[in-house]
Amino acid sequence: MLILRHLQRGVSLVELLVGLTIVAILLGTGVPSFFNWIQNTQIRTAAESIQSGLQLARSEAVRRNASIRFQLTDTMTSACIVSAAGTNWVISQDDLAGTPGACATAESESGTLRIIQKHAGTEGSTNIAVNATEDLVTPATPGLPFNRPIIFNGLGKIPAPSITAGYNVSIGISNPSGGSCIDAGGKMRCLRVVVSTGGRIRMCDPSLASSDPRAC
């Protein structure tokens, strides 16, 4: 009886080198794109967190019919201060300024600060930079750093002096470790969260044309 044997052969050195070259090319083209995607994801995560925090502060102000504060802070320790470059945020019914414990205080419906919710910027977005400014609406003009709490009233609006009449608060989110923003010639899709005195909160992309509904 004839037994058919299948010939088995390995991979030649040339074939192995060709395969390794192809893999190296794919990695060389894919890794930078993946890196940019990761860095841009951190920007979006931080922007969505700030937007969600502002929306929560507004809804709590309406629900409680009370003034509720949203503040960006430099740290989450007892020594925290409200900062235009703060990557953390705290929502409270009372003022953090000059209060012992401040951001280290636990969330509670009672007590000195009545902190509703807080978020550390290191959660999912460690490389993020934040820059909050108070910008003139008409004509659109970038303003000075915004170092105050955003205070929503019981109607969900933000009366002066929390935000000056005729101005918006613009919270810019970038990622310097990933490079510069697209509108500055880089590859980072930087975002902004814009808050109006009427209580409107929206996320926008400053790199898009004004005709795009996602643009700032």
N, C-alpha and C. Protein backbone atom coordinates (compact mmCIF):
# COMPACT_ATOMS: atom_id res chain seq x y z
N MET A 1 0.86 -1.18 0.00
CA MET A 1 0.00 0.00 0.00
C MET A 1 0.89 1.23 0.00
N LEU A 2 0.52 2.20 -0.85
CA LEU A 2 1.30 3.42 -0.94
C LEU A 2 0.86 4.39 0.15
N ILE A 3 1.82 4.97 0.84
CA ILE A 3 1.53 5.98 1.86
C ILE A 3 2.04 7.32 1.35
N LEU A 4 1.12 8.22 1.13
CA LEU A 4 1.50 9.55 0.64
C LEU A 4 1.97 10.41 1.81
N ARG A 5 3.12 10.94 1.66
CA ARG A 5 3.66 11.82 2.70
C ARG A 5 3.67 13.27 2.20
N HIS A 6 3.15 14.14 2.99
CA HIS A 6 3.17 15.56 2.64
C HIS A 6 4.55 16.13 2.97
N LEU A 7 5.09 16.79 2.03
CA LEU A 7 6.39 17.39 2.26
C LEU A 7 6.24 18.58 3.21
N GLN A 8 7.08 18.66 4.18
CA GLN A 8 7.07 19.76 5.14
C GLN A 8 8.38 20.53 5.02
N ARG A 9 8.25 21.84 4.99
CA ARG A 9 9.45 22.64 4.89
C ARG A 9 9.32 23.87 5.79
N GLY A 10 10.42 24.40 6.27
CA GLY A 10 10.42 25.58 7.13
C GLY A 10 10.44 26.85 6.32
N VAL A 11 10.74 27.95 7.00
CA VAL A 11 10.81 29.26 6.36
C VAL A 11 12.28 29.58 6.11
N SER A 12 12.54 30.00 4.92
CA SER A 12 13.93 30.34 4.59
C SER A 12 14.32 31.66 5.25
N LEU A 13 15.62 31.90 5.32
CA LEU A 13 16.11 33.13 5.93
C LEU A 13 15.62 34.36 5.17
N VAL A 14 15.57 34.26 3.87
CA VAL A 14 15.10 35.39 3.06
C VAL A 14 13.64 35.69 3.36
N GLU A 15 12.81 34.66 3.43
CA GLU A 15 11.38 34.84 3.72
C GLU A 15 11.19 35.44 5.12
N LEU A 16 12.02 34.99 6.07
CA LEU A 16 11.92 35.53 7.43
C LEU A 16 12.27 37.01 7.46
N LEU A 17 13.34 37.38 6.73
CA LEU A 17 13.75 38.77 6.68
C LEU A 17 12.69 39.64 6.01
N VAL A 18 12.07 39.13 4.95
CA VAL A 18 11.00 39.87 4.27
C VAL A 18 9.82 40.09 5.22
N GLY A 19 9.45 39.03 5.97
CA GLY A 19 8.35 39.14 6.92
C GLY A 19 8.63 40.15 8.01
N LEU A 20 9.87 40.12 8.54
CA LEU A 20 10.24 41.07 9.59
C LEU A 20 10.25 42.50 9.07
N THR A 21 10.66 42.67 7.83
CA THR A 21 10.68 44.00 7.23
C THR A 21 9.26 44.56 7.10
N ILE A 22 8.34 43.70 6.67
CA ILE A 22 6.93 44.13 6.53
C ILE A 22 6.36 44.51 7.89
N VAL A 23 6.64 43.69 8.92
CA VAL A 23 6.15 43.99 10.26
C VAL A 23 6.72 45.32 10.77
N ALA A 24 8.01 45.55 10.51
CA ALA A 24 8.65 46.79 10.95
C ALA A 24 8.03 48.00 10.27
N ILE A 25 7.71 47.86 8.97
CA ILE A 25 7.08 48.97 8.24
C ILE A 25 5.70 49.27 8.82
N LEU A 26 4.94 48.21 9.08
CA LEU A 26 3.59 48.39 9.64
C LEU A 26 3.65 49.04 11.01
N LEU A 27 4.61 48.60 11.83
CA LEU A 27 4.75 49.21 13.15
C LEU A 27 5.18 50.67 13.06
N GLY A 28 6.09 50.92 12.11
CA GLY A 28 6.60 52.28 11.95
C GLY A 28 5.53 53.27 11.53
N THR A 29 4.56 52.79 10.74
CA THR A 29 3.48 53.68 10.30
C THR A 29 2.31 53.71 11.27
N GLY A 30 2.12 52.60 12.00
CA GLY A 30 0.96 52.51 12.88
C GLY A 30 1.16 53.07 14.27
N VAL A 31 2.37 52.92 14.82
CA VAL A 31 2.62 53.36 16.19
C VAL A 31 2.42 54.86 16.38
N PRO A 32 2.93 55.74 15.49
CA PRO A 32 2.68 57.19 15.69
C PRO A 32 1.19 57.53 15.69
N SER A 33 0.43 56.89 14.79
CA SER A 33 -1.01 57.16 14.74
C SER A 33 -1.69 56.70 16.03
N PHE A 34 -1.26 55.55 16.54
CA PHE A 34 -1.84 55.04 17.78
C PHE A 34 -1.49 55.96 18.95
N PHE A 35 -0.25 56.46 18.97
CA PHE A 35 0.18 57.40 20.01
C PHE A 35 -0.67 58.66 19.97
N ASN A 36 -0.89 59.22 18.78
CA ASN A 36 -1.72 60.43 18.65
C ASN A 36 -3.14 60.17 19.11
N TRP A 37 -3.64 58.98 18.79
CA TRP A 37 -5.01 58.63 19.19
C TRP A 37 -5.12 58.59 20.72
N ILE A 38 -4.13 57.99 21.38
CA ILE A 38 -4.13 57.90 22.84
C ILE A 38 -4.10 59.31 23.46
N GLN A 39 -3.22 60.17 22.95
CA GLN A 39 -3.08 61.52 23.49
C GLN A 39 -4.34 62.34 23.26
N ASN A 40 -4.95 62.20 22.08
CA ASN A 40 -6.19 62.92 21.79
C ASN A 40 -7.35 62.40 22.64
N THR A 41 -7.33 61.10 22.94
CA THR A 41 -8.37 60.53 23.79
C THR A 41 -8.31 61.13 25.19
N GLN A 42 -7.10 61.41 25.68
CA GLN A 42 -6.97 62.04 26.99
C GLN A 42 -7.59 63.44 26.99
N ILE A 43 -7.42 64.17 25.90
CA ILE A 43 -8.03 65.50 25.79
C ILE A 43 -9.54 65.39 25.86
N ARG A 44 -10.11 64.47 25.06
CA ARG A 44 -11.57 64.33 25.03
C ARG A 44 -12.09 63.86 26.39
N THR A 45 -11.38 62.95 27.04
CA THR A 45 -11.82 62.47 28.36
C THR A 45 -11.89 63.62 29.36
N ALA A 46 -10.86 64.47 29.37
CA ALA A 46 -10.84 65.61 30.29
C ALA A 46 -11.94 66.61 29.96
N ALA A 47 -12.14 66.88 28.66
CA ALA A 47 -13.18 67.83 28.24
C ALA A 47 -14.57 67.33 28.62
N GLU A 48 -14.81 66.04 28.39
CA GLU A 48 -16.12 65.47 28.74
C GLU A 48 -16.35 65.48 30.24
N SER A 49 -15.27 65.27 31.02
CA SER A 49 -15.39 65.31 32.47
C SER A 49 -15.78 66.72 32.94
N ILE A 50 -15.12 67.74 32.41
CA ILE A 50 -15.43 69.12 32.79
C ILE A 50 -16.85 69.49 32.36
N GLN A 51 -17.23 69.10 31.16
CA GLN A 51 -18.58 69.38 30.67
C GLN A 51 -19.63 68.70 31.57
N SER A 52 -19.38 67.43 31.92
CA SER A 52 -20.32 66.71 32.78
C SER A 52 -20.42 67.35 34.16
N GLY A 53 -19.26 67.80 34.69
CA GLY A 53 -19.27 68.47 35.99
C GLY A 53 -20.08 69.75 35.97
N LEU A 54 -19.93 70.53 34.92
CA LEU A 54 -20.70 71.77 34.79
C LEU A 54 -22.19 71.48 34.66
N GLN A 55 -22.54 70.47 33.88
CA GLN A 55 -23.95 70.11 33.72
C GLN A 55 -24.55 69.64 35.04
N LEU A 56 -23.76 68.89 35.82
CA LEU A 56 -24.24 68.44 37.12
C LEU A 56 -24.45 69.63 38.06
N ALA A 57 -23.51 70.57 38.07
CA ALA A 57 -23.64 71.75 38.92
C ALA A 57 -24.90 72.53 38.57
N ARG A 58 -25.15 72.68 37.28
CA ARG A 58 -26.34 73.42 36.83
C ARG A 58 -27.62 72.70 37.24
N SER A 59 -27.68 71.39 37.02
CA SER A 59 -28.89 70.64 37.36
C SER A 59 -29.14 70.62 38.87
N GLU A 60 -28.06 70.57 39.67
CA GLU A 60 -28.21 70.58 41.12
C GLU A 60 -28.69 71.95 41.60
N ALA A 61 -28.24 73.01 40.96
CA ALA A 61 -28.69 74.35 41.33
C ALA A 61 -30.20 74.48 41.10
N VAL A 62 -30.67 73.95 39.97
CA VAL A 62 -32.11 74.01 39.66
C VAL A 62 -32.89 73.12 40.61
N ARG A 63 -32.38 71.91 40.85
CA ARG A 63 -33.08 70.96 41.72
C ARG A 63 -33.21 71.48 43.14
N ARG A 64 -32.14 72.10 43.64
CA ARG A 64 -32.13 72.58 45.02
C ARG A 64 -32.66 74.01 45.15
N ASN A 65 -32.82 74.69 43.99
CA ASN A 65 -33.17 76.11 43.98
C ASN A 65 -32.19 76.90 44.87
N ALA A 66 -30.90 76.64 44.61
CA ALA A 66 -29.85 77.25 45.41
C ALA A 66 -28.64 77.51 44.53
N SER A 67 -27.75 78.36 44.99
CA SER A 67 -26.52 78.63 44.25
C SER A 67 -25.54 77.47 44.43
N ILE A 68 -25.05 76.96 43.31
CA ILE A 68 -24.10 75.84 43.33
C ILE A 68 -22.84 76.26 42.56
N ARG A 69 -21.69 75.95 43.13
CA ARG A 69 -20.41 76.39 42.58
C ARG A 69 -19.68 75.26 41.87
N PHE A 70 -19.15 75.58 40.70
CA PHE A 70 -18.22 74.69 40.01
C PHE A 70 -16.88 75.41 39.97
N GLN A 71 -15.83 74.78 40.47
CA GLN A 71 -14.53 75.44 40.49
C GLN A 71 -13.41 74.49 40.04
N LEU A 72 -12.54 75.01 39.18
CA LEU A 72 -11.32 74.30 38.81
C LEU A 72 -10.30 74.56 39.91
N THR A 73 -9.60 73.53 40.35
CA THR A 73 -8.64 73.68 41.44
C THR A 73 -7.27 73.14 41.04
N ASP A 74 -6.23 73.70 41.69
CA ASP A 74 -4.87 73.30 41.35
C ASP A 74 -4.50 71.94 41.93
N THR A 75 -5.05 71.59 43.09
CA THR A 75 -4.80 70.28 43.70
C THR A 75 -6.12 69.77 44.30
N MET A 76 -6.07 68.56 44.84
CA MET A 76 -7.22 68.01 45.56
C MET A 76 -6.89 67.86 47.04
N THR A 77 -5.94 68.66 47.53
CA THR A 77 -5.55 68.62 48.93
C THR A 77 -6.29 69.69 49.73
N SER A 78 -6.00 69.74 51.01
CA SER A 78 -6.64 70.75 51.87
C SER A 78 -6.16 72.16 51.54
N ALA A 79 -5.05 72.28 50.78
CA ALA A 79 -4.50 73.59 50.44
C ALA A 79 -4.92 74.05 49.05
N CYS A 80 -5.89 73.41 48.45
CA CYS A 80 -6.27 73.72 47.06
C CYS A 80 -6.79 75.15 46.93
N ILE A 81 -6.56 75.72 45.76
CA ILE A 81 -7.12 77.03 45.44
C ILE A 81 -7.79 76.97 44.07
N VAL A 82 -8.74 77.85 43.83
CA VAL A 82 -9.38 77.95 42.53
C VAL A 82 -8.35 78.48 41.55
N SER A 83 -8.22 77.81 40.40
CA SER A 83 -7.15 78.17 39.45
C SER A 83 -7.64 78.06 38.02
N ALA A 84 -7.24 79.04 37.19
CA ALA A 84 -7.58 79.00 35.76
C ALA A 84 -6.90 77.85 35.06
N ALA A 85 -5.83 77.32 35.65
CA ALA A 85 -5.09 76.21 35.06
C ALA A 85 -5.34 74.90 35.81
N GLY A 86 -6.36 74.89 36.66
CA GLY A 86 -6.63 73.69 37.45
C GLY A 86 -7.18 72.55 36.62
N THR A 87 -6.61 71.38 36.78
CA THR A 87 -7.08 70.21 36.04
C THR A 87 -8.09 69.40 36.85
N ASN A 88 -8.31 69.77 38.11
CA ASN A 88 -9.31 69.11 38.97
C ASN A 88 -10.54 70.00 39.07
N TRP A 89 -11.67 69.42 39.45
CA TRP A 89 -12.83 70.27 39.68
C TRP A 89 -13.62 69.79 40.89
N VAL A 90 -14.28 70.76 41.53
CA VAL A 90 -15.09 70.48 42.72
C VAL A 90 -16.42 71.21 42.57
N ILE A 91 -17.50 70.51 42.89
CA ILE A 91 -18.84 71.11 42.91
C ILE A 91 -19.28 71.18 44.37
N SER A 92 -19.64 72.38 44.82
CA SER A 92 -20.05 72.53 46.22
C SER A 92 -21.14 73.59 46.33
N GLN A 93 -21.83 73.55 47.45
CA GLN A 93 -22.85 74.57 47.71
C GLN A 93 -22.24 75.76 48.42
N ASP A 94 -21.06 75.57 49.00
CA ASP A 94 -20.41 76.64 49.76
C ASP A 94 -19.05 76.96 49.14
N ASP A 95 -18.48 78.07 49.55
CA ASP A 95 -17.24 78.56 48.99
C ASP A 95 -16.04 77.81 49.56
N LEU A 96 -15.12 77.38 48.66
CA LEU A 96 -13.91 76.70 49.10
C LEU A 96 -12.90 77.66 49.72
N ALA A 97 -12.92 78.91 49.26
CA ALA A 97 -11.89 79.88 49.66
C ALA A 97 -11.88 80.09 51.17
N GLY A 98 -10.71 79.92 51.76
CA GLY A 98 -10.54 80.19 53.18
C GLY A 98 -11.17 79.17 54.10
N THR A 99 -11.58 78.04 53.55
CA THR A 99 -12.24 77.02 54.38
C THR A 99 -11.26 75.89 54.70
N PRO A 100 -11.04 75.58 55.96
CA PRO A 100 -10.14 74.48 56.33
C PRO A 100 -10.61 73.16 55.72
N GLY A 101 -9.67 72.40 55.19
CA GLY A 101 -10.03 71.11 54.59
C GLY A 101 -10.25 71.19 53.11
N ALA A 102 -10.98 72.22 52.69
CA ALA A 102 -11.27 72.49 51.27
C ALA A 102 -11.45 71.22 50.46
N CYS A 103 -10.60 71.00 49.44
CA CYS A 103 -10.82 69.90 48.49
C CYS A 103 -10.62 68.53 49.10
N ALA A 104 -9.97 68.43 50.25
CA ALA A 104 -9.77 67.13 50.89
C ALA A 104 -11.02 66.70 51.66
N THR A 105 -12.00 67.59 51.78
CA THR A 105 -13.25 67.27 52.49
C THR A 105 -14.06 66.26 51.70
N ALA A 106 -14.63 65.30 52.40
CA ALA A 106 -15.44 64.27 51.73
C ALA A 106 -16.74 64.86 51.22
N GLU A 107 -17.29 64.24 50.19
CA GLU A 107 -18.59 64.64 49.66
C GLU A 107 -19.66 64.44 50.74
N SER A 108 -20.48 65.46 50.94
CA SER A 108 -21.48 65.38 52.00
C SER A 108 -22.58 66.41 51.77
N GLU A 109 -23.78 66.07 52.20
CA GLU A 109 -24.90 67.00 52.09
C GLU A 109 -24.92 68.00 53.24
N SER A 110 -24.06 67.79 54.23
CA SER A 110 -24.01 68.70 55.37
C SER A 110 -22.55 69.09 55.59
N GLY A 111 -22.29 69.80 56.68
CA GLY A 111 -20.92 70.18 56.99
C GLY A 111 -20.60 71.58 56.50
N THR A 112 -19.30 71.89 56.49
CA THR A 112 -18.85 73.24 56.20
C THR A 112 -19.02 73.61 54.73
N LEU A 113 -18.70 72.66 53.83
CA LEU A 113 -18.67 72.99 52.40
C LEU A 113 -19.84 72.43 51.60
N ARG A 114 -20.44 71.36 52.09
CA ARG A 114 -21.49 70.65 51.35
C ARG A 114 -21.02 70.36 49.92
N ILE A 115 -19.93 69.58 49.84
CA ILE A 115 -19.39 69.20 48.54
C ILE A 115 -20.28 68.14 47.90
N ILE A 116 -20.70 68.40 46.68
CA ILE A 116 -21.60 67.51 45.96
C ILE A 116 -20.83 66.45 45.19
N GLN A 117 -19.79 66.88 44.49
CA GLN A 117 -18.96 65.93 43.74
C GLN A 117 -17.61 66.58 43.43
N LYS A 118 -16.58 65.75 43.31
CA LYS A 118 -15.26 66.26 42.92
C LYS A 118 -14.57 65.25 42.03
N HIS A 119 -13.62 65.76 41.25
CA HIS A 119 -12.95 64.91 40.27
C HIS A 119 -11.49 65.32 40.15
N ALA A 120 -10.58 64.35 40.26
CA ALA A 120 -9.16 64.61 40.12
C ALA A 120 -8.76 64.51 38.65
N GLY A 121 -8.00 65.49 38.18
CA GLY A 121 -7.59 65.51 36.78
C GLY A 121 -6.72 64.35 36.38
N THR A 122 -6.10 63.68 37.35
CA THR A 122 -5.22 62.55 37.04
C THR A 122 -6.00 61.30 36.64
N GLU A 123 -7.30 61.32 36.80
CA GLU A 123 -8.12 60.15 36.47
C GLU A 123 -8.35 60.07 34.97
N GLY A 124 -7.50 59.32 34.28
CA GLY A 124 -7.67 59.09 32.85
C GLY A 124 -7.10 60.15 31.94
N SER A 125 -6.52 61.21 32.50
CA SER A 125 -6.01 62.29 31.65
C SER A 125 -4.82 62.97 32.32
N THR A 126 -3.76 62.20 32.52
CA THR A 126 -2.62 62.67 33.32
C THR A 126 -1.80 63.76 32.63
N ASN A 127 -1.85 63.86 31.31
CA ASN A 127 -0.98 64.81 30.59
C ASN A 127 -1.69 66.11 30.20
N ILE A 128 -2.87 66.32 30.71
CA ILE A 128 -3.71 67.42 30.25
C ILE A 128 -3.31 68.76 30.84
N ALA A 129 -3.44 69.81 30.02
CA ALA A 129 -3.28 71.19 30.48
C ALA A 129 -4.60 71.92 30.28
N VAL A 130 -4.97 72.74 31.24
CA VAL A 130 -6.25 73.48 31.20
C VAL A 130 -5.96 74.97 31.27
N ASN A 131 -6.74 75.74 30.52
CA ASN A 131 -6.60 77.20 30.54
C ASN A 131 -7.99 77.82 30.43
N ALA A 132 -8.48 78.35 31.54
CA ALA A 132 -9.81 78.97 31.57
C ALA A 132 -9.67 80.48 31.43
N THR A 133 -10.44 81.06 30.50
CA THR A 133 -10.42 82.51 30.29
C THR A 133 -11.85 83.03 30.24
N GLU A 134 -11.99 84.34 30.50
CA GLU A 134 -13.28 85.01 30.37
C GLU A 134 -13.21 85.82 29.08
N ASP A 135 -13.96 85.38 28.06
CA ASP A 135 -13.84 85.94 26.71
C ASP A 135 -15.03 86.82 26.36
N LEU A 136 -14.75 87.96 25.75
CA LEU A 136 -15.80 88.83 25.26
C LEU A 136 -16.53 88.14 24.11
N VAL A 137 -17.87 88.18 24.15
CA VAL A 137 -18.66 87.47 23.14
C VAL A 137 -18.69 88.24 21.83
N THR A 138 -18.99 89.55 21.87
CA THR A 138 -19.10 90.36 20.66
C THR A 138 -18.33 91.67 20.82
N PRO A 139 -17.28 91.88 19.98
CA PRO A 139 -16.72 90.89 19.06
C PRO A 139 -15.95 89.82 19.83
N ALA A 140 -15.89 88.61 19.27
CA ALA A 140 -15.22 87.50 19.95
C ALA A 140 -13.76 87.84 20.22
N THR A 141 -13.43 87.95 21.50
CA THR A 141 -12.08 88.37 21.89
C THR A 141 -11.62 87.55 23.09
N PRO A 142 -10.46 86.88 22.98
CA PRO A 142 -9.93 86.13 24.12
C PRO A 142 -9.68 87.07 25.29
N GLY A 143 -9.97 86.60 26.49
CA GLY A 143 -9.84 87.46 27.66
C GLY A 143 -8.75 87.02 28.61
N LEU A 144 -8.88 87.48 29.84
CA LEU A 144 -7.90 87.20 30.88
C LEU A 144 -8.20 85.87 31.57
N PRO A 145 -7.22 85.30 32.29
CA PRO A 145 -7.47 84.05 33.02
C PRO A 145 -8.66 84.17 33.96
N PHE A 146 -9.45 83.11 34.02
CA PHE A 146 -10.65 83.08 34.86
C PHE A 146 -10.33 82.29 36.12
N ASN A 147 -10.17 83.01 37.24
CA ASN A 147 -9.77 82.39 38.51
C ASN A 147 -10.89 82.44 39.54
N ARG A 148 -12.13 82.30 39.10
CA ARG A 148 -13.25 82.36 40.02
C ARG A 148 -14.14 81.13 39.85
N PRO A 149 -14.97 80.82 40.84
CA PRO A 149 -15.94 79.75 40.67
C PRO A 149 -17.01 80.16 39.65
N ILE A 150 -17.56 79.20 38.95
CA ILE A 150 -18.74 79.42 38.12
C ILE A 150 -19.94 79.08 38.99
N ILE A 151 -20.79 80.07 39.25
CA ILE A 151 -21.88 79.89 40.21
C ILE A 151 -23.23 79.91 39.47
N PHE A 152 -23.90 78.77 39.48
CA PHE A 152 -25.24 78.66 38.89
C PHE A 152 -26.29 79.02 39.95
N ASN A 153 -27.30 79.80 39.54
CA ASN A 153 -28.39 80.09 40.47
C ASN A 153 -29.53 79.09 40.29
N GLY A 154 -30.62 79.28 41.04
CA GLY A 154 -31.73 78.34 41.00
C GLY A 154 -32.42 78.23 39.66
N LEU A 155 -32.17 79.17 38.75
CA LEU A 155 -32.74 79.12 37.40
C LEU A 155 -31.77 78.47 36.41
N GLY A 156 -30.61 78.06 36.90
CA GLY A 156 -29.62 77.44 36.02
C GLY A 156 -28.80 78.46 35.24
N LYS A 157 -28.90 79.73 35.62
CA LYS A 157 -28.13 80.78 34.95
C LYS A 157 -26.94 81.19 35.81
N ILE A 158 -26.07 82.02 35.23
CA ILE A 158 -24.85 82.44 35.93
C ILE A 158 -24.82 83.97 35.97
N PRO A 159 -25.37 84.56 36.98
CA PRO A 159 -25.40 86.03 37.04
C PRO A 159 -24.03 86.60 37.39
N ALA A 160 -23.85 87.89 37.05
CA ALA A 160 -22.65 88.60 37.49
C ALA A 160 -22.67 88.67 39.02
N PRO A 161 -21.52 88.67 39.67
CA PRO A 161 -20.18 88.81 39.10
C PRO A 161 -19.48 87.49 38.81
N SER A 162 -20.20 86.35 38.91
CA SER A 162 -19.55 85.07 38.63
C SER A 162 -18.94 85.09 37.24
N ILE A 163 -19.75 85.50 36.23
CA ILE A 163 -19.26 85.76 34.88
C ILE A 163 -19.71 87.16 34.51
N THR A 164 -18.84 87.97 33.98
CA THR A 164 -19.18 89.35 33.60
C THR A 164 -20.19 89.34 32.46
N ALA A 165 -21.19 90.22 32.54
CA ALA A 165 -22.19 90.32 31.48
C ALA A 165 -21.52 90.59 30.14
N GLY A 166 -21.95 89.88 29.09
CA GLY A 166 -21.36 90.05 27.76
C GLY A 166 -20.15 89.17 27.52
N TYR A 167 -19.82 88.31 28.49
CA TYR A 167 -18.67 87.43 28.37
C TYR A 167 -19.10 85.96 28.50
N ASN A 168 -18.27 85.07 27.99
CA ASN A 168 -18.38 83.63 28.23
C ASN A 168 -17.12 83.17 28.96
N VAL A 169 -17.24 82.07 29.66
CA VAL A 169 -16.03 81.41 30.18
C VAL A 169 -15.66 80.30 29.22
N SER A 170 -14.41 80.33 28.76
CA SER A 170 -13.92 79.33 27.81
C SER A 170 -12.83 78.52 28.51
N ILE A 171 -13.05 77.22 28.65
CA ILE A 171 -12.09 76.33 29.30
C ILE A 171 -11.40 75.51 28.22
N GLY A 172 -10.16 75.86 27.92
CA GLY A 172 -9.40 75.17 26.88
C GLY A 172 -8.67 73.96 27.45
N ILE A 173 -8.73 72.85 26.73
CA ILE A 173 -8.06 71.61 27.15
C ILE A 173 -7.09 71.19 26.06
N SER A 174 -5.81 71.06 26.43
CA SER A 174 -4.78 70.66 25.47
C SER A 174 -3.93 69.55 26.08
N ASN A 175 -2.96 69.08 25.32
CA ASN A 175 -2.08 67.99 25.77
C ASN A 175 -0.67 68.26 25.28
N PRO A 176 0.10 69.07 25.99
CA PRO A 176 1.45 69.45 25.54
C PRO A 176 2.38 68.26 25.33
N SER A 177 2.19 67.18 26.09
CA SER A 177 3.07 66.03 25.94
C SER A 177 2.88 65.34 24.59
N GLY A 178 1.69 65.54 24.00
CA GLY A 178 1.43 64.95 22.69
C GLY A 178 1.77 65.89 21.54
N GLY A 179 2.03 67.14 21.86
CA GLY A 179 2.37 68.12 20.82
C GLY A 179 1.41 69.30 20.86
N SER A 180 1.52 70.15 19.86
CA SER A 180 0.68 71.34 19.78
C SER A 180 -0.67 71.01 19.16
N CYS A 181 -1.59 71.97 19.26
CA CYS A 181 -2.95 71.78 18.73
C CYS A 181 -2.95 71.86 17.20
N ILE A 182 -3.98 71.29 16.60
CA ILE A 182 -4.10 71.27 15.14
C ILE A 182 -4.10 72.69 14.57
N ASP A 183 -4.82 73.61 15.23
CA ASP A 183 -4.89 74.97 14.71
C ASP A 183 -3.57 75.73 14.87
N ALA A 184 -2.60 75.11 15.56
CA ALA A 184 -1.26 75.69 15.68
C ALA A 184 -0.24 74.87 14.89
N GLY A 185 -0.75 73.99 14.02
CA GLY A 185 0.13 73.21 13.17
C GLY A 185 0.51 71.85 13.71
N GLY A 186 -0.03 71.47 14.88
CA GLY A 186 0.30 70.18 15.48
C GLY A 186 -0.72 69.11 15.15
N LYS A 187 -0.72 68.04 15.96
CA LYS A 187 -1.61 66.90 15.71
C LYS A 187 -2.61 66.67 16.84
N MET A 188 -2.58 67.52 17.86
CA MET A 188 -3.51 67.35 18.97
C MET A 188 -4.83 68.07 18.69
N ARG A 189 -5.93 67.32 18.79
CA ARG A 189 -7.26 67.92 18.59
C ARG A 189 -7.72 68.50 19.92
N CYS A 190 -7.26 69.71 20.18
CA CYS A 190 -7.59 70.38 21.44
C CYS A 190 -9.07 70.79 21.44
N LEU A 191 -9.66 70.86 22.62
CA LEU A 191 -11.08 71.15 22.74
C LEU A 191 -11.31 72.28 23.74
N ARG A 192 -12.50 72.85 23.68
CA ARG A 192 -12.91 73.87 24.65
C ARG A 192 -14.29 73.52 25.18
N VAL A 193 -14.51 73.90 26.44
CA VAL A 193 -15.86 73.86 27.01
C VAL A 193 -16.24 75.30 27.29
N VAL A 194 -17.30 75.75 26.65
CA VAL A 194 -17.70 77.16 26.74
C VAL A 194 -18.99 77.27 27.56
N VAL A 195 -18.99 78.20 28.52
CA VAL A 195 -20.14 78.40 29.40
C VAL A 195 -20.61 79.85 29.26
N SER A 196 -21.90 80.02 28.99
CA SER A 196 -22.47 81.37 28.84
C SER A 196 -23.18 81.79 30.11
N THR A 197 -23.46 83.09 30.22
CA THR A 197 -24.16 83.59 31.40
C THR A 197 -25.58 83.03 31.49
N GLY A 198 -26.12 82.60 30.35
CA GLY A 198 -27.45 82.00 30.36
C GLY A 198 -27.45 80.56 30.83
N GLY A 199 -26.26 80.01 31.11
CA GLY A 199 -26.16 78.65 31.60
C GLY A 199 -25.93 77.61 30.52
N ARG A 200 -25.75 78.05 29.26
CA ARG A 200 -25.50 77.10 28.19
C ARG A 200 -24.09 76.55 28.30
N ILE A 201 -23.96 75.24 28.15
CA ILE A 201 -22.67 74.57 28.25
C ILE A 201 -22.47 73.74 26.99
N ARG A 202 -21.38 74.01 26.27
CA ARG A 202 -21.13 73.22 25.07
C ARG A 202 -19.64 72.98 24.89
N MET A 203 -19.33 71.82 24.29
CA MET A 203 -17.96 71.49 23.94
C MET A 203 -17.76 71.82 22.47
N CYS A 204 -16.60 72.39 22.13
CA CYS A 204 -16.36 72.76 20.74
C CYS A 204 -14.90 72.52 20.37
N ASP A 205 -14.63 72.56 19.06
CA ASP A 205 -13.29 72.30 18.52
C ASP A 205 -12.79 73.56 17.82
N PRO A 206 -11.79 74.23 18.37
CA PRO A 206 -11.31 75.49 17.77
C PRO A 206 -10.61 75.31 16.43
N SER A 207 -10.28 74.08 16.05
CA SER A 207 -9.58 73.86 14.78
C SER A 207 -10.53 73.77 13.59
N LEU A 208 -11.85 73.69 13.85
CA LEU A 208 -12.82 73.54 12.77
C LEU A 208 -13.28 74.89 12.25
N ALA A 209 -13.71 74.90 10.99
CA ALA A 209 -14.22 76.11 10.37
C ALA A 209 -15.50 76.56 11.04
N SER A 210 -15.77 77.85 11.03
CA SER A 210 -16.93 78.41 11.72
C SER A 210 -18.25 77.86 11.18
N SER A 211 -18.26 77.35 9.97
CA SER A 211 -19.47 76.80 9.37
C SER A 211 -19.83 75.43 9.97
N ASP A 212 -18.87 74.80 10.64
CA ASP A 212 -19.10 73.50 11.25
C ASP A 212 -19.79 73.68 12.60
N PRO A 213 -20.90 72.97 12.87
CA PRO A 213 -21.61 73.13 14.15
C PRO A 213 -20.77 72.74 15.37
N ARG A 214 -19.70 72.00 15.15
CA ARG A 214 -18.82 71.59 16.26
C ARG A 214 -17.75 72.63 16.55
N ALA A 215 -17.68 73.66 15.73
CA ALA A 215 -16.63 74.67 15.88
C ALA A 215 -16.91 75.61 17.04
N CYS A 216 -15.88 76.28 17.52
CA CYS A 216 -16.05 77.24 18.61
C CYS A 216 -16.48 78.60 18.07
